[in-house]
Amino acid sequence: MSEKRNSMLCPRCRKLISRDEKVCPYCGVKSPGRRLPDLLARWSATPGEIVRPLIIVNVIFYIITLLIAPIHFGGLHNPLSFLAPGNRSMLIMGATGAMPVFQLQRWWTLLSASFLHGSLLHLMFNMVALNQLGRLSAEIFGLHRFLIIYIVSGIIGFYLSTLAGIMLTIGASASLCGLIGALLYYGKSRGGEFGSMVIQ
């Protein structure tokens, strides 16, 4: 009975191993038996899986902004504004820019604005890019570095746009540009066939 309690499934390869193993003997993942929730352990073992929850959070935030204030339906003459949340709802949810940061002292919006989007197309384009860039970046850099690059890039991008005087801004574009920059740097530094593939 005690042997069963001391066994577990490796969060990466799902093979039965001892909880005391420092490295999984089958796939090599470090500390497979650490006392983390299964979900966090799996994200650490297969970092690309973090992208789906990030996309879900972005979609939930977008739906909430649509529910808070009237929706702009745009139309054939301006499809980019189709299902666009109003400025009031975006401010409530954490849009950033010179007005929220300098006038309202809402510095936390430099983080929250990365999860907001201004229309259905805006959301779709960014989430498609996040799905592609995010999975590759997470697998190359690991879960923690990926999150640091993604979050810090967004904060820096929004801070620079705020200093430039942009009154209201949202979107994951700054975070995605940070991932692109990190991948380009990695590809050039590594070189070889794999490095060239990353750059392309």
N, C-alpha and C. Protein backbone atom coordinates (compact mmCIF):
# COMPACT_ATOMS: atom_id res chain seq x y z
N MET A 1 0.82 -1.21 0.00
CA MET A 1 0.00 0.00 0.00
C MET A 1 0.87 1.27 0.00
N SER A 2 1.95 1.21 0.82
CA SER A 2 2.83 2.37 0.89
C SER A 2 3.56 2.60 -0.43
N GLU A 3 3.84 1.48 -1.18
CA GLU A 3 4.49 1.61 -2.47
C GLU A 3 3.61 2.35 -3.46
N LYS A 4 2.30 2.08 -3.42
CA LYS A 4 1.37 2.75 -4.32
C LYS A 4 1.31 4.24 -4.02
N ARG A 5 1.33 4.58 -2.70
CA ARG A 5 1.27 5.99 -2.34
C ARG A 5 2.54 6.73 -2.75
N ASN A 6 3.65 5.99 -2.82
CA ASN A 6 4.91 6.61 -3.17
C ASN A 6 5.14 6.66 -4.68
N SER A 7 4.14 6.21 -5.45
CA SER A 7 4.24 6.23 -6.90
C SER A 7 3.37 7.32 -7.48
N MET A 8 3.71 7.74 -8.69
CA MET A 8 2.95 8.78 -9.36
C MET A 8 3.20 8.67 -10.86
N LEU A 9 2.37 9.37 -11.64
CA LEU A 9 2.58 9.46 -13.07
C LEU A 9 3.43 10.68 -13.37
N CYS A 10 4.46 10.51 -14.16
CA CYS A 10 5.28 11.65 -14.58
C CYS A 10 4.39 12.65 -15.31
N PRO A 11 4.46 13.95 -14.96
CA PRO A 11 3.59 14.94 -15.60
C PRO A 11 3.85 15.12 -17.09
N ARG A 12 5.04 14.68 -17.59
CA ARG A 12 5.33 14.83 -19.02
C ARG A 12 5.00 13.55 -19.81
N CYS A 13 5.61 12.43 -19.42
CA CYS A 13 5.45 11.21 -20.22
C CYS A 13 4.35 10.29 -19.72
N ARG A 14 3.79 10.60 -18.52
CA ARG A 14 2.68 9.85 -17.94
C ARG A 14 3.04 8.40 -17.61
N LYS A 15 4.33 8.11 -17.34
CA LYS A 15 4.73 6.78 -16.93
C LYS A 15 4.86 6.73 -15.41
N LEU A 16 4.66 5.54 -14.84
CA LEU A 16 4.67 5.37 -13.39
C LEU A 16 6.10 5.43 -12.87
N ILE A 17 6.33 6.34 -11.91
CA ILE A 17 7.65 6.51 -11.32
C ILE A 17 7.50 6.73 -9.82
N SER A 18 8.60 6.73 -9.11
CA SER A 18 8.60 7.02 -7.68
C SER A 18 8.54 8.53 -7.46
N ARG A 19 7.82 8.95 -6.41
CA ARG A 19 7.75 10.38 -6.08
C ARG A 19 9.12 10.92 -5.66
N ASP A 20 10.02 10.04 -5.26
CA ASP A 20 11.33 10.48 -4.78
C ASP A 20 12.33 10.71 -5.90
N GLU A 21 11.95 10.38 -7.13
CA GLU A 21 12.87 10.55 -8.26
C GLU A 21 13.21 12.03 -8.45
N LYS A 22 14.49 12.33 -8.59
CA LYS A 22 14.90 13.71 -8.87
C LYS A 22 14.76 14.03 -10.35
N VAL A 23 14.90 12.99 -11.18
CA VAL A 23 14.73 13.13 -12.62
C VAL A 23 13.96 11.91 -13.12
N CYS A 24 12.96 12.13 -13.99
CA CYS A 24 12.21 11.01 -14.54
C CYS A 24 13.16 10.13 -15.37
N PRO A 25 13.24 8.82 -15.07
CA PRO A 25 14.15 7.95 -15.82
C PRO A 25 13.73 7.71 -17.27
N TYR A 26 12.49 8.07 -17.60
CA TYR A 26 12.00 7.82 -18.96
C TYR A 26 12.15 9.03 -19.89
N CYS A 27 11.80 10.23 -19.38
CA CYS A 27 11.82 11.42 -20.26
C CYS A 27 12.80 12.50 -19.80
N GLY A 28 13.32 12.37 -18.56
CA GLY A 28 14.33 13.31 -18.10
C GLY A 28 13.82 14.59 -17.46
N VAL A 29 12.50 14.72 -17.26
CA VAL A 29 11.99 15.94 -16.62
C VAL A 29 12.48 16.01 -15.19
N LYS A 30 12.89 17.22 -14.76
CA LYS A 30 13.44 17.39 -13.42
C LYS A 30 12.33 17.49 -12.37
N SER A 31 12.60 16.95 -11.19
CA SER A 31 11.70 17.01 -10.03
C SER A 31 10.27 16.65 -10.37
N PRO A 32 10.04 15.47 -10.94
CA PRO A 32 8.66 15.11 -11.32
C PRO A 32 7.73 14.93 -10.13
N GLY A 33 8.28 14.67 -8.94
CA GLY A 33 7.43 14.42 -7.78
C GLY A 33 7.24 15.60 -6.88
N ARG A 34 7.56 16.80 -7.34
CA ARG A 34 7.41 17.97 -6.48
C ARG A 34 5.96 18.20 -6.12
N ARG A 35 5.74 18.81 -4.98
CA ARG A 35 4.39 18.98 -4.45
C ARG A 35 3.70 20.20 -5.06
N LEU A 36 3.42 20.10 -6.35
CA LEU A 36 2.67 21.13 -7.04
C LEU A 36 1.36 20.54 -7.52
N PRO A 37 0.34 21.36 -7.70
CA PRO A 37 -0.87 20.83 -8.32
C PRO A 37 -0.54 20.21 -9.67
N ASP A 38 -1.29 19.18 -10.03
CA ASP A 38 -1.01 18.45 -11.28
C ASP A 38 -0.96 19.38 -12.48
N LEU A 39 -1.84 20.37 -12.53
CA LEU A 39 -1.89 21.27 -13.68
C LEU A 39 -0.60 22.07 -13.80
N LEU A 40 -0.12 22.61 -12.67
CA LEU A 40 1.12 23.39 -12.71
C LEU A 40 2.31 22.50 -13.05
N ALA A 41 2.30 21.28 -12.53
CA ALA A 41 3.38 20.36 -12.85
C ALA A 41 3.40 20.03 -14.34
N ARG A 42 2.22 19.85 -14.92
CA ARG A 42 2.16 19.53 -16.35
C ARG A 42 2.61 20.72 -17.18
N TRP A 43 2.22 21.95 -16.79
CA TRP A 43 2.67 23.12 -17.53
C TRP A 43 4.18 23.25 -17.47
N SER A 44 4.77 22.92 -16.31
CA SER A 44 6.23 23.01 -16.19
C SER A 44 6.90 21.96 -17.08
N ALA A 45 6.27 20.80 -17.20
CA ALA A 45 6.86 19.73 -18.00
C ALA A 45 6.65 19.96 -19.49
N THR A 46 5.49 20.47 -19.86
CA THR A 46 5.19 20.76 -21.27
C THR A 46 4.73 22.21 -21.36
N PRO A 47 5.67 23.15 -21.39
CA PRO A 47 5.35 24.58 -21.29
C PRO A 47 4.37 25.09 -22.33
N GLY A 48 4.34 24.47 -23.53
CA GLY A 48 3.45 24.95 -24.58
C GLY A 48 1.99 24.91 -24.20
N GLU A 49 1.65 24.09 -23.21
CA GLU A 49 0.25 23.97 -22.79
C GLU A 49 -0.27 25.22 -22.08
N ILE A 50 0.64 26.12 -21.65
CA ILE A 50 0.21 27.35 -20.98
C ILE A 50 -0.50 28.29 -21.93
N VAL A 51 -0.29 28.11 -23.23
CA VAL A 51 -0.85 29.03 -24.23
C VAL A 51 -2.39 28.97 -24.22
N ARG A 52 -2.95 27.79 -24.13
CA ARG A 52 -4.41 27.67 -24.14
C ARG A 52 -5.07 28.45 -23.00
N PRO A 53 -4.61 28.31 -21.74
CA PRO A 53 -5.19 29.14 -20.67
C PRO A 53 -5.04 30.64 -20.92
N LEU A 54 -3.90 31.05 -21.49
CA LEU A 54 -3.71 32.47 -21.80
C LEU A 54 -4.75 32.95 -22.82
N ILE A 55 -5.00 32.14 -23.83
CA ILE A 55 -6.01 32.49 -24.83
C ILE A 55 -7.39 32.56 -24.20
N ILE A 56 -7.70 31.62 -23.33
CA ILE A 56 -9.00 31.60 -22.66
C ILE A 56 -9.19 32.85 -21.82
N VAL A 57 -8.14 33.27 -21.11
CA VAL A 57 -8.22 34.50 -20.29
C VAL A 57 -8.50 35.70 -21.18
N ASN A 58 -7.82 35.80 -22.32
CA ASN A 58 -8.05 36.91 -23.25
C ASN A 58 -9.49 36.91 -23.76
N VAL A 59 -10.02 35.75 -24.10
CA VAL A 59 -11.39 35.65 -24.61
C VAL A 59 -12.39 36.04 -23.52
N ILE A 60 -12.16 35.59 -22.29
CA ILE A 60 -13.06 35.92 -21.17
C ILE A 60 -13.06 37.43 -20.93
N PHE A 61 -11.87 38.05 -20.92
CA PHE A 61 -11.80 39.49 -20.73
C PHE A 61 -12.55 40.22 -21.85
N TYR A 62 -12.40 39.73 -23.06
CA TYR A 62 -13.08 40.37 -24.19
C TYR A 62 -14.60 40.28 -24.03
N ILE A 63 -15.10 39.13 -23.65
CA ILE A 63 -16.55 38.95 -23.46
C ILE A 63 -17.06 39.87 -22.35
N ILE A 64 -16.30 39.99 -21.27
CA ILE A 64 -16.72 40.85 -20.16
C ILE A 64 -16.80 42.31 -20.61
N THR A 65 -15.81 42.76 -21.41
CA THR A 65 -15.86 44.15 -21.89
C THR A 65 -17.07 44.39 -22.77
N LEU A 66 -17.49 43.36 -23.51
CA LEU A 66 -18.68 43.50 -24.35
C LEU A 66 -19.95 43.59 -23.50
N LEU A 67 -19.94 42.91 -22.36
CA LEU A 67 -21.13 42.89 -21.51
C LEU A 67 -21.27 44.15 -20.67
N ILE A 68 -20.16 44.84 -20.41
CA ILE A 68 -20.20 46.02 -19.52
C ILE A 68 -20.85 47.21 -20.19
N ALA A 69 -20.51 47.46 -21.45
CA ALA A 69 -20.97 48.69 -22.12
C ALA A 69 -21.51 48.34 -23.50
N PRO A 70 -22.25 49.27 -24.11
CA PRO A 70 -22.79 49.03 -25.46
C PRO A 70 -21.72 48.62 -26.46
N ILE A 71 -22.12 47.78 -27.41
CA ILE A 71 -21.22 47.23 -28.42
C ILE A 71 -21.34 48.02 -29.71
N HIS A 72 -20.20 48.28 -30.34
CA HIS A 72 -20.19 48.89 -31.67
C HIS A 72 -20.12 47.78 -32.70
N PHE A 73 -21.14 47.66 -33.54
CA PHE A 73 -21.18 46.56 -34.49
C PHE A 73 -20.41 46.86 -35.77
N GLY A 74 -19.97 48.07 -35.95
CA GLY A 74 -19.20 48.40 -37.16
C GLY A 74 -20.06 48.23 -38.39
N GLY A 75 -19.71 47.33 -39.25
CA GLY A 75 -20.47 47.09 -40.46
C GLY A 75 -19.56 46.80 -41.62
N LEU A 76 -20.15 46.72 -42.80
CA LEU A 76 -19.35 46.42 -43.99
C LEU A 76 -18.36 47.52 -44.29
N HIS A 77 -18.72 48.78 -43.95
CA HIS A 77 -17.82 49.88 -44.25
C HIS A 77 -16.61 49.91 -43.31
N ASN A 78 -16.70 49.25 -42.15
CA ASN A 78 -15.57 49.20 -41.21
C ASN A 78 -15.58 47.89 -40.42
N PRO A 79 -15.17 46.78 -41.06
CA PRO A 79 -15.19 45.49 -40.38
C PRO A 79 -14.23 45.40 -39.20
N LEU A 80 -13.23 46.30 -39.15
CA LEU A 80 -12.27 46.26 -38.06
C LEU A 80 -12.91 46.63 -36.72
N SER A 81 -14.05 47.34 -36.76
CA SER A 81 -14.71 47.73 -35.53
C SER A 81 -15.88 46.81 -35.17
N PHE A 82 -15.99 45.67 -35.84
CA PHE A 82 -17.08 44.74 -35.56
C PHE A 82 -16.94 44.16 -34.15
N LEU A 83 -18.02 44.27 -33.37
CA LEU A 83 -18.04 43.83 -31.98
C LEU A 83 -16.93 44.49 -31.16
N ALA A 84 -16.86 45.80 -31.26
CA ALA A 84 -15.84 46.55 -30.52
C ALA A 84 -16.41 47.04 -29.19
N PRO A 85 -15.75 46.73 -28.08
CA PRO A 85 -16.20 47.24 -26.78
C PRO A 85 -16.05 48.75 -26.71
N GLY A 86 -16.88 49.40 -25.90
CA GLY A 86 -16.78 50.85 -25.74
C GLY A 86 -15.59 51.23 -24.87
N ASN A 87 -15.17 52.48 -24.95
CA ASN A 87 -14.04 52.97 -24.17
C ASN A 87 -14.29 52.84 -22.67
N ARG A 88 -15.55 53.05 -22.27
CA ARG A 88 -15.88 52.97 -20.84
C ARG A 88 -15.60 51.57 -20.29
N SER A 89 -16.04 50.55 -21.02
CA SER A 89 -15.83 49.19 -20.54
C SER A 89 -14.34 48.83 -20.53
N MET A 90 -13.60 49.33 -21.53
CA MET A 90 -12.17 49.04 -21.57
C MET A 90 -11.43 49.73 -20.41
N LEU A 91 -11.87 50.94 -20.07
CA LEU A 91 -11.29 51.63 -18.92
C LEU A 91 -11.56 50.88 -17.63
N ILE A 92 -12.78 50.40 -17.49
CA ILE A 92 -13.15 49.65 -16.29
C ILE A 92 -12.31 48.38 -16.17
N MET A 93 -12.07 47.71 -17.30
CA MET A 93 -11.36 46.44 -17.29
C MET A 93 -9.84 46.59 -17.23
N GLY A 94 -9.33 47.80 -17.45
CA GLY A 94 -7.89 48.01 -17.28
C GLY A 94 -7.12 48.44 -18.50
N ALA A 95 -7.77 49.18 -19.42
CA ALA A 95 -7.02 49.76 -20.55
C ALA A 95 -5.99 50.74 -19.99
N THR A 96 -4.86 50.86 -20.69
CA THR A 96 -3.80 51.74 -20.22
C THR A 96 -3.61 52.90 -21.19
N GLY A 97 -2.62 53.73 -20.93
CA GLY A 97 -2.37 54.91 -21.75
C GLY A 97 -2.09 56.11 -20.86
N ALA A 98 -1.85 57.25 -21.49
CA ALA A 98 -1.50 58.45 -20.74
C ALA A 98 -2.59 58.85 -19.76
N MET A 99 -3.85 58.71 -20.18
CA MET A 99 -4.96 59.11 -19.30
C MET A 99 -5.10 58.20 -18.08
N PRO A 100 -5.20 56.88 -18.25
CA PRO A 100 -5.32 56.02 -17.06
C PRO A 100 -4.09 56.06 -16.15
N VAL A 101 -2.89 56.13 -16.74
CA VAL A 101 -1.67 56.05 -15.93
C VAL A 101 -1.36 57.37 -15.25
N PHE A 102 -1.32 58.47 -16.01
CA PHE A 102 -0.88 59.75 -15.45
C PHE A 102 -2.00 60.52 -14.76
N GLN A 103 -3.20 60.45 -15.32
CA GLN A 103 -4.30 61.20 -14.72
C GLN A 103 -4.99 60.43 -13.60
N LEU A 104 -5.18 59.13 -13.80
CA LEU A 104 -5.89 58.32 -12.80
C LEU A 104 -4.96 57.53 -11.90
N GLN A 105 -3.64 57.59 -12.19
CA GLN A 105 -2.64 56.87 -11.40
C GLN A 105 -2.89 55.36 -11.35
N ARG A 106 -3.38 54.81 -12.45
CA ARG A 106 -3.67 53.37 -12.51
C ARG A 106 -2.51 52.65 -13.20
N TRP A 107 -1.40 52.54 -12.47
CA TRP A 107 -0.20 51.94 -13.03
C TRP A 107 -0.36 50.46 -13.33
N TRP A 108 -1.26 49.80 -12.62
CA TRP A 108 -1.49 48.37 -12.84
C TRP A 108 -2.05 48.09 -14.24
N THR A 109 -2.57 49.13 -14.89
CA THR A 109 -3.11 48.91 -16.24
C THR A 109 -2.02 48.59 -17.26
N LEU A 110 -0.74 48.89 -16.94
CA LEU A 110 0.35 48.52 -17.82
C LEU A 110 0.43 46.99 -17.97
N LEU A 111 -0.09 46.28 -16.98
CA LEU A 111 -0.16 44.82 -17.04
C LEU A 111 -1.49 44.33 -17.62
N SER A 112 -2.58 44.89 -17.13
CA SER A 112 -3.91 44.37 -17.51
C SER A 112 -4.26 44.62 -18.97
N ALA A 113 -3.72 45.68 -19.56
CA ALA A 113 -4.10 46.05 -20.93
C ALA A 113 -3.71 44.98 -21.95
N SER A 114 -2.72 44.15 -21.62
CA SER A 114 -2.30 43.10 -22.55
C SER A 114 -3.39 42.05 -22.78
N PHE A 115 -4.34 41.99 -21.87
CA PHE A 115 -5.40 40.97 -21.96
C PHE A 115 -6.70 41.53 -22.53
N LEU A 116 -6.68 42.77 -23.00
CA LEU A 116 -7.87 43.40 -23.57
C LEU A 116 -7.70 43.61 -25.07
N HIS A 117 -8.82 43.58 -25.78
CA HIS A 117 -8.78 43.75 -27.24
C HIS A 117 -9.95 44.62 -27.71
N GLY A 118 -9.70 45.36 -28.81
CA GLY A 118 -10.64 46.37 -29.23
C GLY A 118 -11.70 45.94 -30.21
N SER A 119 -11.63 44.72 -30.72
CA SER A 119 -12.65 44.22 -31.63
C SER A 119 -12.46 42.71 -31.79
N LEU A 120 -13.41 42.09 -32.46
CA LEU A 120 -13.32 40.64 -32.68
C LEU A 120 -12.11 40.30 -33.54
N LEU A 121 -11.86 41.07 -34.60
CA LEU A 121 -10.70 40.81 -35.46
C LEU A 121 -9.39 41.02 -34.72
N HIS A 122 -9.35 42.05 -33.91
CA HIS A 122 -8.16 42.33 -33.09
C HIS A 122 -7.84 41.13 -32.21
N LEU A 123 -8.86 40.60 -31.55
CA LEU A 123 -8.69 39.44 -30.69
C LEU A 123 -8.24 38.22 -31.49
N MET A 124 -8.91 37.96 -32.62
CA MET A 124 -8.60 36.77 -33.42
C MET A 124 -7.17 36.79 -33.94
N PHE A 125 -6.75 37.92 -34.50
CA PHE A 125 -5.39 38.02 -35.05
C PHE A 125 -4.34 37.78 -33.95
N ASN A 126 -4.55 38.42 -32.80
CA ASN A 126 -3.57 38.28 -31.72
C ASN A 126 -3.55 36.87 -31.14
N MET A 127 -4.71 36.23 -31.04
CA MET A 127 -4.75 34.89 -30.46
C MET A 127 -4.16 33.84 -31.41
N VAL A 128 -4.34 34.03 -32.71
CA VAL A 128 -3.69 33.14 -33.68
C VAL A 128 -2.17 33.28 -33.56
N ALA A 129 -1.70 34.52 -33.45
CA ALA A 129 -0.26 34.76 -33.30
C ALA A 129 0.26 34.20 -31.97
N LEU A 130 -0.52 34.37 -30.90
CA LEU A 130 -0.12 33.85 -29.60
C LEU A 130 -0.04 32.32 -29.62
N ASN A 131 -0.98 31.69 -30.30
CA ASN A 131 -0.98 30.23 -30.38
C ASN A 131 0.28 29.72 -31.08
N GLN A 132 0.71 30.42 -32.12
CA GLN A 132 1.89 29.98 -32.87
C GLN A 132 3.19 30.37 -32.14
N LEU A 133 3.32 31.65 -31.83
CA LEU A 133 4.55 32.14 -31.20
C LEU A 133 4.69 31.64 -29.77
N GLY A 134 3.55 31.59 -29.06
CA GLY A 134 3.59 31.21 -27.66
C GLY A 134 4.05 29.78 -27.44
N ARG A 135 3.53 28.86 -28.23
CA ARG A 135 3.91 27.45 -28.06
C ARG A 135 5.40 27.25 -28.35
N LEU A 136 5.88 27.87 -29.43
CA LEU A 136 7.30 27.75 -29.78
C LEU A 136 8.17 28.38 -28.71
N SER A 137 7.79 29.57 -28.25
CA SER A 137 8.58 30.28 -27.24
C SER A 137 8.61 29.52 -25.92
N ALA A 138 7.46 29.00 -25.51
CA ALA A 138 7.39 28.27 -24.24
C ALA A 138 8.23 27.00 -24.28
N GLU A 139 8.22 26.32 -25.40
CA GLU A 139 9.01 25.09 -25.52
C GLU A 139 10.51 25.41 -25.53
N ILE A 140 10.89 26.52 -26.15
CA ILE A 140 12.32 26.88 -26.23
C ILE A 140 12.83 27.45 -24.91
N PHE A 141 12.09 28.40 -24.34
CA PHE A 141 12.57 29.12 -23.16
C PHE A 141 12.11 28.52 -21.84
N GLY A 142 11.10 27.65 -21.87
CA GLY A 142 10.54 27.12 -20.63
C GLY A 142 9.42 28.01 -20.13
N LEU A 143 8.62 27.46 -19.22
CA LEU A 143 7.42 28.14 -18.73
C LEU A 143 7.71 29.49 -18.11
N HIS A 144 8.64 29.53 -17.17
CA HIS A 144 8.87 30.76 -16.41
C HIS A 144 9.48 31.86 -17.28
N ARG A 145 10.46 31.51 -18.09
CA ARG A 145 11.06 32.53 -18.97
C ARG A 145 10.05 33.04 -19.98
N PHE A 146 9.23 32.12 -20.50
CA PHE A 146 8.20 32.54 -21.45
C PHE A 146 7.27 33.57 -20.82
N LEU A 147 6.79 33.28 -19.61
CA LEU A 147 5.87 34.21 -18.95
C LEU A 147 6.54 35.55 -18.65
N ILE A 148 7.81 35.50 -18.25
CA ILE A 148 8.54 36.74 -17.97
C ILE A 148 8.66 37.57 -19.25
N ILE A 149 9.07 36.94 -20.35
CA ILE A 149 9.22 37.66 -21.63
C ILE A 149 7.88 38.25 -22.04
N TYR A 150 6.82 37.45 -21.97
CA TYR A 150 5.49 37.87 -22.42
C TYR A 150 4.97 39.05 -21.60
N ILE A 151 5.05 38.94 -20.29
CA ILE A 151 4.49 39.97 -19.40
C ILE A 151 5.34 41.24 -19.42
N VAL A 152 6.66 41.08 -19.29
CA VAL A 152 7.54 42.25 -19.23
C VAL A 152 7.53 43.01 -20.56
N SER A 153 7.48 42.30 -21.68
CA SER A 153 7.41 42.97 -22.99
C SER A 153 6.16 43.82 -23.10
N GLY A 154 5.04 43.28 -22.62
CA GLY A 154 3.79 44.04 -22.65
C GLY A 154 3.88 45.30 -21.81
N ILE A 155 4.43 45.17 -20.61
CA ILE A 155 4.55 46.32 -19.70
C ILE A 155 5.45 47.40 -20.32
N ILE A 156 6.61 46.98 -20.86
CA ILE A 156 7.53 47.95 -21.46
C ILE A 156 6.90 48.63 -22.67
N GLY A 157 6.25 47.83 -23.52
CA GLY A 157 5.60 48.40 -24.71
C GLY A 157 4.55 49.43 -24.36
N PHE A 158 3.72 49.11 -23.38
CA PHE A 158 2.67 50.06 -22.97
C PHE A 158 3.25 51.28 -22.28
N TYR A 159 4.33 51.10 -21.52
CA TYR A 159 4.95 52.24 -20.86
C TYR A 159 5.51 53.22 -21.89
N LEU A 160 6.14 52.68 -22.93
CA LEU A 160 6.68 53.55 -23.99
C LEU A 160 5.57 54.28 -24.74
N SER A 161 4.46 53.58 -25.02
CA SER A 161 3.35 54.24 -25.71
C SER A 161 2.69 55.28 -24.82
N THR A 162 2.71 55.03 -23.51
CA THR A 162 2.16 56.00 -22.56
C THR A 162 3.03 57.26 -22.54
N LEU A 163 4.36 57.06 -22.53
CA LEU A 163 5.27 58.21 -22.58
C LEU A 163 5.12 58.99 -23.87
N ALA A 164 4.72 58.29 -24.95
CA ALA A 164 4.53 58.95 -26.24
C ALA A 164 3.23 59.75 -26.28
N GLY A 165 2.42 59.66 -25.24
CA GLY A 165 1.20 60.46 -25.15
C GLY A 165 -0.05 59.80 -25.67
N ILE A 166 0.00 58.51 -26.00
CA ILE A 166 -1.20 57.82 -26.46
C ILE A 166 -2.17 57.71 -25.29
N MET A 167 -3.38 58.23 -25.47
CA MET A 167 -4.32 58.37 -24.37
C MET A 167 -4.89 57.04 -23.90
N LEU A 168 -5.19 56.14 -24.82
CA LEU A 168 -5.81 54.87 -24.45
C LEU A 168 -5.30 53.79 -25.40
N THR A 169 -4.81 52.70 -24.83
CA THR A 169 -4.27 51.63 -25.66
C THR A 169 -4.46 50.27 -24.98
N ILE A 170 -4.64 49.24 -25.81
CA ILE A 170 -4.85 47.88 -25.32
C ILE A 170 -4.25 46.89 -26.31
N GLY A 171 -4.25 45.60 -25.95
CA GLY A 171 -3.87 44.55 -26.88
C GLY A 171 -2.61 43.81 -26.48
N ALA A 172 -2.46 42.62 -27.06
CA ALA A 172 -1.31 41.76 -26.76
C ALA A 172 -0.15 41.98 -27.72
N SER A 173 -0.23 42.98 -28.58
CA SER A 173 0.79 43.17 -29.62
C SER A 173 2.18 43.39 -29.06
N ALA A 174 2.30 44.17 -27.98
CA ALA A 174 3.63 44.42 -27.40
C ALA A 174 4.23 43.14 -26.85
N SER A 175 3.40 42.33 -26.20
CA SER A 175 3.87 41.05 -25.67
C SER A 175 4.30 40.12 -26.80
N LEU A 176 3.52 40.10 -27.88
CA LEU A 176 3.86 39.25 -29.03
C LEU A 176 5.14 39.72 -29.70
N CYS A 177 5.33 41.03 -29.79
CA CYS A 177 6.58 41.56 -30.36
C CYS A 177 7.78 41.16 -29.50
N GLY A 178 7.57 41.12 -28.19
CA GLY A 178 8.63 40.67 -27.30
C GLY A 178 9.01 39.22 -27.56
N LEU A 179 8.01 38.38 -27.81
CA LEU A 179 8.28 36.97 -28.13
C LEU A 179 9.03 36.85 -29.46
N ILE A 180 8.61 37.66 -30.44
CA ILE A 180 9.29 37.64 -31.74
C ILE A 180 10.76 38.03 -31.58
N GLY A 181 11.00 39.10 -30.82
CA GLY A 181 12.37 39.55 -30.59
C GLY A 181 13.21 38.49 -29.88
N ALA A 182 12.62 37.84 -28.88
CA ALA A 182 13.35 36.81 -28.15
C ALA A 182 13.67 35.62 -29.04
N LEU A 183 12.72 35.24 -29.90
CA LEU A 183 12.95 34.12 -30.82
C LEU A 183 14.01 34.46 -31.86
N LEU A 184 13.98 35.69 -32.38
CA LEU A 184 15.00 36.10 -33.35
C LEU A 184 16.39 36.09 -32.72
N TYR A 185 16.48 36.60 -31.50
CA TYR A 185 17.77 36.61 -30.79
C TYR A 185 18.26 35.18 -30.55
N TYR A 186 17.33 34.31 -30.13
CA TYR A 186 17.69 32.92 -29.87
C TYR A 186 18.16 32.23 -31.16
N GLY A 187 17.43 32.46 -32.26
CA GLY A 187 17.79 31.84 -33.52
C GLY A 187 19.15 32.27 -34.01
N LYS A 188 19.45 33.58 -33.89
CA LYS A 188 20.75 34.09 -34.34
C LYS A 188 21.87 33.59 -33.43
N SER A 189 21.60 33.54 -32.12
CA SER A 189 22.64 33.10 -31.17
C SER A 189 22.94 31.63 -31.33
N ARG A 190 21.90 30.82 -31.53
CA ARG A 190 22.10 29.38 -31.65
C ARG A 190 22.72 29.01 -32.99
N GLY A 191 22.24 29.63 -34.05
CA GLY A 191 22.76 29.31 -35.37
C GLY A 191 22.36 27.92 -35.82
N GLY A 192 22.98 27.43 -36.86
CA GLY A 192 22.69 26.09 -37.35
C GLY A 192 21.33 25.99 -38.01
N GLU A 193 20.94 24.77 -38.31
CA GLU A 193 19.68 24.53 -39.01
C GLU A 193 18.48 24.90 -38.15
N PHE A 194 18.53 24.53 -36.85
CA PHE A 194 17.41 24.84 -35.97
C PHE A 194 17.27 26.34 -35.76
N GLY A 195 18.39 27.02 -35.58
CA GLY A 195 18.36 28.47 -35.41
C GLY A 195 17.77 29.16 -36.62
N SER A 196 18.14 28.70 -37.82
CA SER A 196 17.59 29.27 -39.05
C SER A 196 16.09 29.02 -39.15
N MET A 197 15.66 27.84 -38.71
CA MET A 197 14.24 27.50 -38.74
C MET A 197 13.45 28.42 -37.81
N VAL A 198 14.00 28.70 -36.63
CA VAL A 198 13.33 29.59 -35.68
C VAL A 198 13.18 30.98 -36.26
N ILE A 199 14.25 31.50 -36.91
CA ILE A 199 14.21 32.83 -37.50
C ILE A 199 13.16 32.91 -38.61
N GLN A 200 13.04 31.85 -39.41
CA GLN A 200 12.06 31.85 -40.50
C GLN A 200 10.65 31.74 -39.96
